[in-house]
C-alpha atoms as a PDB file:
ATOM      1  CA  MET A   1     -25.647   6.988 -53.321  1.00  0.00           C
ATOM      2  CA  ALA A   2     -28.122   9.026 -55.331  1.00  0.00           C
ATOM      3  CA  HIS A   3     -29.262  10.992 -52.280  1.00  0.00           C
ATOM      4  CA  ARG A   4     -25.677  12.051 -51.517  1.00  0.00           C
ATOM      5  CA  VAL A   5     -25.612  14.244 -54.644  1.00  0.00           C
ATOM      6  CA  ASP A   6     -26.233  17.885 -53.663  1.00  0.00           C
ATOM      7  CA  LEU A   7     -28.243  18.553 -56.796  1.00  0.00           C
ATOM      8  CA  ARG A   8     -29.322  21.893 -58.222  1.00  0.00           C
ATOM      9  CA  GLU A   9     -31.559  22.358 -61.253  1.00  0.00           C
ATOM     10  CA  ASP A  10     -28.788  22.955 -63.815  1.00  0.00           C
ATOM     11  CA  ASP A  11     -26.377  20.291 -62.509  1.00  0.00           C
ATOM     12  CA  ALA A  12     -25.407  17.145 -64.373  1.00  0.00           C
ATOM     13  CA  ILE A  13     -24.389  13.736 -63.073  1.00  0.00           C
ATOM     14  CA  VAL A  14     -21.844  11.387 -64.596  1.00  0.00           C
ATOM     15  CA  GLU A  15     -21.984   7.827 -63.337  1.00  0.00           C
ATOM     16  CA  LEU A  16     -18.826   5.756 -63.670  1.00  0.00           C
ATOM     17  CA  GLY A  17     -19.166   1.987 -63.820  1.00  0.00           C
ATOM     18  CA  ALA A  18     -22.927   2.022 -64.309  1.00  0.00           C
ATOM     19  CA  GLY A  19     -23.067  -1.768 -64.681  1.00  0.00           C
ATOM     20  CA  THR A  20     -26.632  -3.126 -64.724  1.00  0.00           C
ATOM     21  CA  GLY A  21     -28.184   0.221 -63.781  1.00  0.00           C
ATOM     22  CA  VAL A  22     -29.141  -0.146 -60.120  1.00  0.00           C
ATOM     23  CA  VAL A  23     -27.600   3.209 -59.152  1.00  0.00           C
ATOM     24  CA  THR A  24     -28.494   4.659 -62.556  1.00  0.00           C
ATOM     25  CA  GLN A  25     -32.177   4.121 -61.828  1.00  0.00           C
ATOM     26  CA  ALA A  26     -31.962   5.987 -58.511  1.00  0.00           C
ATOM     27  CA  LEU A  27     -29.974   8.826 -60.121  1.00  0.00           C
ATOM     28  CA  ARG A  28     -32.485   9.063 -62.978  1.00  0.00           C
ATOM     29  CA  ARG A  29     -35.328   9.535 -60.481  1.00  0.00           C
ATOM     30  CA  ARG A  30     -33.497  12.532 -58.968  1.00  0.00           C
ATOM     31  CA  LEU A  31     -33.290  14.472 -62.235  1.00  0.00           C
ATOM     32  CA  SER A  32     -36.104  16.460 -63.827  1.00  0.00           C
ATOM     33  CA  VAL A  33     -34.183  16.482 -67.128  1.00  0.00           C
ATOM     34  CA  PRO A  34     -32.959  12.940 -67.932  1.00  0.00           C
ATOM     35  CA  GLN A  35     -30.373  14.228 -70.414  1.00  0.00           C
ATOM     36  CA  GLN A  36     -28.443  15.630 -67.441  1.00  0.00           C
ATOM     37  CA  LEU A  37     -27.428  12.059 -66.535  1.00  0.00           C
ATOM     38  CA  VAL A  38     -24.533  10.430 -68.368  1.00  0.00           C
ATOM     39  CA  ALA A  39     -23.789   6.782 -67.632  1.00  0.00           C
ATOM     40  CA  ILE A  40     -20.320   5.560 -68.550  1.00  0.00           C
ATOM     41  CA  GLU A  41     -19.775   1.825 -68.784  1.00  0.00           C
ATOM     42  CA  ARG A  42     -16.710   0.099 -70.221  1.00  0.00           C
ATOM     43  CA  ALA A  43     -18.376  -3.243 -71.068  1.00  0.00           C
ATOM     44  CA  PRO A  44     -20.260  -2.997 -74.392  1.00  0.00           C
ATOM     45  CA  VAL A  45     -22.881  -5.578 -73.326  1.00  0.00           C
ATOM     46  CA  LEU A  46     -23.706  -3.579 -70.184  1.00  0.00           C
ATOM     47  CA  ALA A  47     -23.704  -0.271 -72.107  1.00  0.00           C
ATOM     48  CA  ASP A  48     -26.267  -1.775 -74.508  1.00  0.00           C
ATOM     49  CA  LEU A  49     -28.347  -2.994 -71.557  1.00  0.00           C
ATOM     50  CA  LEU A  50     -28.300   0.510 -70.049  1.00  0.00           C
ATOM     51  CA  ARG A  51     -29.379   2.051 -73.369  1.00  0.00           C
ATOM     52  CA  SER A  52     -32.355  -0.289 -73.556  1.00  0.00           C
ATOM     53  CA  GLN A  53     -33.339   0.300 -69.900  1.00  0.00           C
ATOM     54  CA  PHE A  54     -32.827   4.075 -69.957  1.00  0.00           C
ATOM     55  CA  PRO A  55     -33.461   5.397 -73.484  1.00  0.00           C
ATOM     56  CA  ASP A  56     -33.821   8.971 -72.189  1.00  0.00           C
ATOM     57  CA  ILE A  57     -30.302   9.296 -70.709  1.00  0.00           C
ATOM     58  CA  LYS A  58     -26.905   9.445 -72.359  1.00  0.00           C
ATOM     59  CA  VAL A  59     -24.972   6.179 -72.199  1.00  0.00           C
ATOM     60  CA  ILE A  60     -21.342   6.140 -73.272  1.00  0.00           C
ATOM     61  CA  CYS A  61     -19.371   2.949 -73.763  1.00  0.00           C
ATOM     62  CA  GLY A  62     -15.907   3.962 -72.643  1.00  0.00           C
ATOM     63  CA  ASP A  63     -13.183   3.944 -70.026  1.00  0.00           C
ATOM     64  CA  ALA A  64     -13.214   6.298 -67.008  1.00  0.00           C
ATOM     65  CA  ALA A  65      -9.499   6.878 -67.635  1.00  0.00           C
ATOM     66  CA  LYS A  66     -10.643   9.062 -70.568  1.00  0.00           C
ATOM     67  CA  LEU A  67     -13.449  10.823 -68.689  1.00  0.00           C
ATOM     68  CA  ARG A  68     -12.753  14.371 -69.890  1.00  0.00           C
ATOM     69  CA  GLN A  69     -12.673  13.266 -73.498  1.00  0.00           C
ATOM     70  CA  LEU A  70     -15.844  11.167 -73.115  1.00  0.00           C
ATOM     71  CA  ILE A  71     -18.027  13.870 -71.586  1.00  0.00           C
ATOM     72  CA  ARG A  72     -16.795  16.897 -73.525  1.00  0.00           C
ATOM     73  CA  ARG A  73     -19.853  16.843 -75.795  1.00  0.00           C
ATOM     74  CA  ALA A  74     -22.197  14.974 -73.465  1.00  0.00           C
ATOM     75  CA  VAL A  75     -22.665  17.844 -70.956  1.00  0.00           C
ATOM     76  CA  PRO A  76     -21.500  21.014 -72.729  1.00  0.00           C
ATOM     77  CA  ASN A  77     -23.594  23.600 -70.839  1.00  0.00           C
ATOM     78  CA  CYS A  78     -23.387  22.166 -67.348  1.00  0.00           C
ATOM     79  CA  GLN A  79     -22.787  24.612 -64.487  1.00  0.00           C
ATOM     80  CA  ARG A  80     -21.842  21.924 -61.937  1.00  0.00           C
ATOM     81  CA  LEU A  81     -20.968  18.305 -62.480  1.00  0.00           C
ATOM     82  CA  HIS A  82     -21.191  15.469 -59.975  1.00  0.00           C
ATOM     83  CA  VAL A  83     -19.374  12.175 -60.466  1.00  0.00           C
ATOM     84  CA  VAL A  84     -20.953   9.090 -58.908  1.00  0.00           C
ATOM     85  CA  SER A  85     -18.656   6.090 -58.985  1.00  0.00           C
ATOM     86  CA  SER A  86     -19.075   2.420 -58.251  1.00  0.00           C
ATOM     87  CA  LEU A  87     -15.687   1.658 -59.790  1.00  0.00           C
ATOM     88  CA  PRO A  88     -13.695  -0.907 -57.776  1.00  0.00           C
ATOM     89  CA  LEU A  89     -10.754   1.462 -57.295  1.00  0.00           C
ATOM     90  CA  ARG A  90      -9.070  -0.729 -54.670  1.00  0.00           C
ATOM     91  CA  SER A  91      -8.813  -3.641 -57.092  1.00  0.00           C
ATOM     92  CA  LEU A  92      -7.473  -1.637 -60.049  1.00  0.00           C
ATOM     93  CA  PRO A  93      -3.737  -1.098 -60.691  1.00  0.00           C
ATOM     94  CA  SER A  94      -2.523   2.006 -58.833  1.00  0.00           C
ATOM     95  CA  ASP A  95      -1.357   3.753 -62.020  1.00  0.00           C
ATOM     96  CA  GLN A  96      -4.834   3.313 -63.522  1.00  0.00           C
ATOM     97  CA  VAL A  97      -6.445   4.671 -60.346  1.00  0.00           C
ATOM     98  CA  ARG A  98      -4.181   7.745 -60.472  1.00  0.00           C
ATOM     99  CA  VAL A  99      -5.290   8.436 -64.055  1.00  0.00           C
ATOM    100  CA  ILE A 100      -8.974   8.031 -63.171  1.00  0.00           C
ATOM    101  CA  LEU A 101      -8.640  10.336 -60.143  1.00  0.00           C
ATOM    102  CA  ARG A 102      -6.868  12.939 -62.282  1.00  0.00           C
ATOM    103  CA  GLU A 103      -9.746  12.741 -64.767  1.00  0.00           C
ATOM    104  CA  ILE A 104     -12.359  13.121 -62.008  1.00  0.00           C
ATOM    105  CA  ALA A 105     -10.522  16.138 -60.587  1.00  0.00           C
ATOM    106  CA  GLY A 106     -10.332  17.575 -64.089  1.00  0.00           C
ATOM    107  CA  VAL A 107     -14.114  17.610 -64.569  1.00  0.00           C
ATOM    108  CA  LEU A 108     -15.172  18.900 -61.137  1.00  0.00           C
ATOM    109  CA  GLN A 109     -15.996  22.586 -61.180  1.00  0.00           C
ATOM    110  CA  THR A 110     -16.638  24.650 -58.066  1.00  0.00           C
ATOM    111  CA  GLY A 111     -19.461  23.020 -56.137  1.00  0.00           C
ATOM    112  CA  GLY A 112     -19.189  19.701 -57.948  1.00  0.00           C
ATOM    113  CA  SER A 113     -18.677  16.477 -56.022  1.00  0.00           C
ATOM    114  CA  TRP A 114     -17.376  12.950 -56.400  1.00  0.00           C
ATOM    115  CA  ILE A 115     -19.323  10.223 -54.608  1.00  0.00           C
ATOM    116  CA  GLN A 116     -17.506   6.890 -54.248  1.00  0.00           C
ATOM    117  CA  TYR A 117     -18.786   3.550 -52.999  1.00  0.00           C
ATOM    118  CA  THR A 118     -16.320   1.254 -51.206  1.00  0.00           C
ATOM    119  CA  TYR A 119     -16.206  -1.924 -49.143  1.00  0.00           C
ATOM    120  CA  ALA A 120     -12.981  -0.762 -47.449  1.00  0.00           C
ATOM    121  CA  LEU A 121     -14.657   0.444 -44.270  1.00  0.00           C
ATOM    122  CA  ALA A 122     -11.472   0.925 -42.260  1.00  0.00           C
ATOM    123  CA  ASP A 123      -9.404   2.600 -44.989  1.00  0.00           C
ATOM    124  CA  ARG A 124      -9.942   6.330 -44.447  1.00  0.00           C
ATOM    125  CA  ARG A 125      -7.241   7.625 -46.816  1.00  0.00           C
ATOM    126  CA  VAL A 126      -8.250  10.587 -48.942  1.00  0.00           C
ATOM    127  CA  PRO A 127      -6.894  10.666 -52.489  1.00  0.00           C
ATOM    128  CA  ASP A 128      -4.463  13.489 -53.282  1.00  0.00           C
ATOM    129  CA  GLY A 129      -6.217  16.579 -54.590  1.00  0.00           C
ATOM    130  CA  PHE A 130      -9.508  15.892 -52.782  1.00  0.00           C
ATOM    131  CA  VAL A 131     -11.115  16.541 -49.410  1.00  0.00           C
ATOM    132  CA  ARG A 132     -13.743  14.278 -47.858  1.00  0.00           C
ATOM    133  CA  VAL A 133     -16.835  16.319 -46.985  1.00  0.00           C
ATOM    134  CA  ALA A 134     -19.139  13.491 -45.905  1.00  0.00           C
ATOM    135  CA  SER A 135     -19.100   9.782 -45.219  1.00  0.00           C
ATOM    136  CA  SER A 136     -21.792   7.275 -44.328  1.00  0.00           C
ATOM    137  CA  PHE A 137     -22.082   3.539 -43.843  1.00  0.00           C
ATOM    138  CA  VAL A 138     -24.589   1.235 -45.503  1.00  0.00           C
ATOM    139  CA  TRP A 139     -24.883  -1.534 -42.927  1.00  0.00           C
ATOM    140  CA  ARG A 140     -27.793  -3.255 -44.702  1.00  0.00           C
ATOM    141  CA  ASN A 141     -25.610  -3.896 -47.725  1.00  0.00           C
ATOM    142  CA  VAL A 142     -23.925  -7.321 -47.841  1.00  0.00           C
ATOM    143  CA  PRO A 143     -21.075  -6.837 -47.285  1.00  0.00           C
ATOM    144  CA  PRO A 144     -21.436  -3.472 -45.511  1.00  0.00           C
ATOM    145  CA  ALA A 145     -20.189  -0.504 -47.504  1.00  0.00           C
ATOM    146  CA  ARG A 146     -19.230   3.129 -47.089  1.00  0.00           C
ATOM    147  CA  ILE A 147     -20.185   6.046 -49.292  1.00  0.00           C
ATOM    148  CA  ASP A 148     -17.739   8.944 -49.325  1.00  0.00           C
ATOM    149  CA  VAL A 149     -18.386  12.377 -50.763  1.00  0.00           C
ATOM    150  CA  PHE A 150     -15.335  14.306 -51.966  1.00  0.00           C
ATOM    151  CA  LYS A 151     -14.739  17.757 -53.379  1.00  0.00           C
ATOM    152  CA  ARG A 152     -11.656  19.014 -55.145  1.00  0.00           C
ATOM    153  CA  GLU A 153      -9.067  20.396 -52.795  1.00  0.00           C
ATOM    154  CA  SER A 154      -8.971  24.184 -52.821  1.00  0.00           C
ATOM    155  CA  THR A 155      -5.959  25.588 -54.650  1.00  0.00           C
ATOM    156  CA  SER A 156      -6.058  28.965 -52.885  1.00  0.00           C
END
């Protein structure tokens, strides 16, 4: 997932559902400035674990449904933001997913991207307001997974 981020020097990455930090570690290696990575985790125990594993990044204990509010001060001078998500969107209530997607769309500036991990290999639907710009399969994962890269739909 980390290699799917089209990263420039002044970009920042927000990881949703950072969990135990497997993806966080790969994202951290991609950044020359660790403070450009913000990990958001809803479970306090996992947020504490992330803070102890990655003391040089920003870890926020919070809900992705409040993404704009959570990152307002975390990445104030960012030119482009990328959202990397391992959230289980297919297992969340649809109204909660709509809120999270609205929040993701609300933080993506021109050139920013949203990278989403899913086990729904056959489901090719694209959420409203986004366009899929890339997709790849991870066959070595058990079960196999797909990584999709989305951008905000152009309003012009």
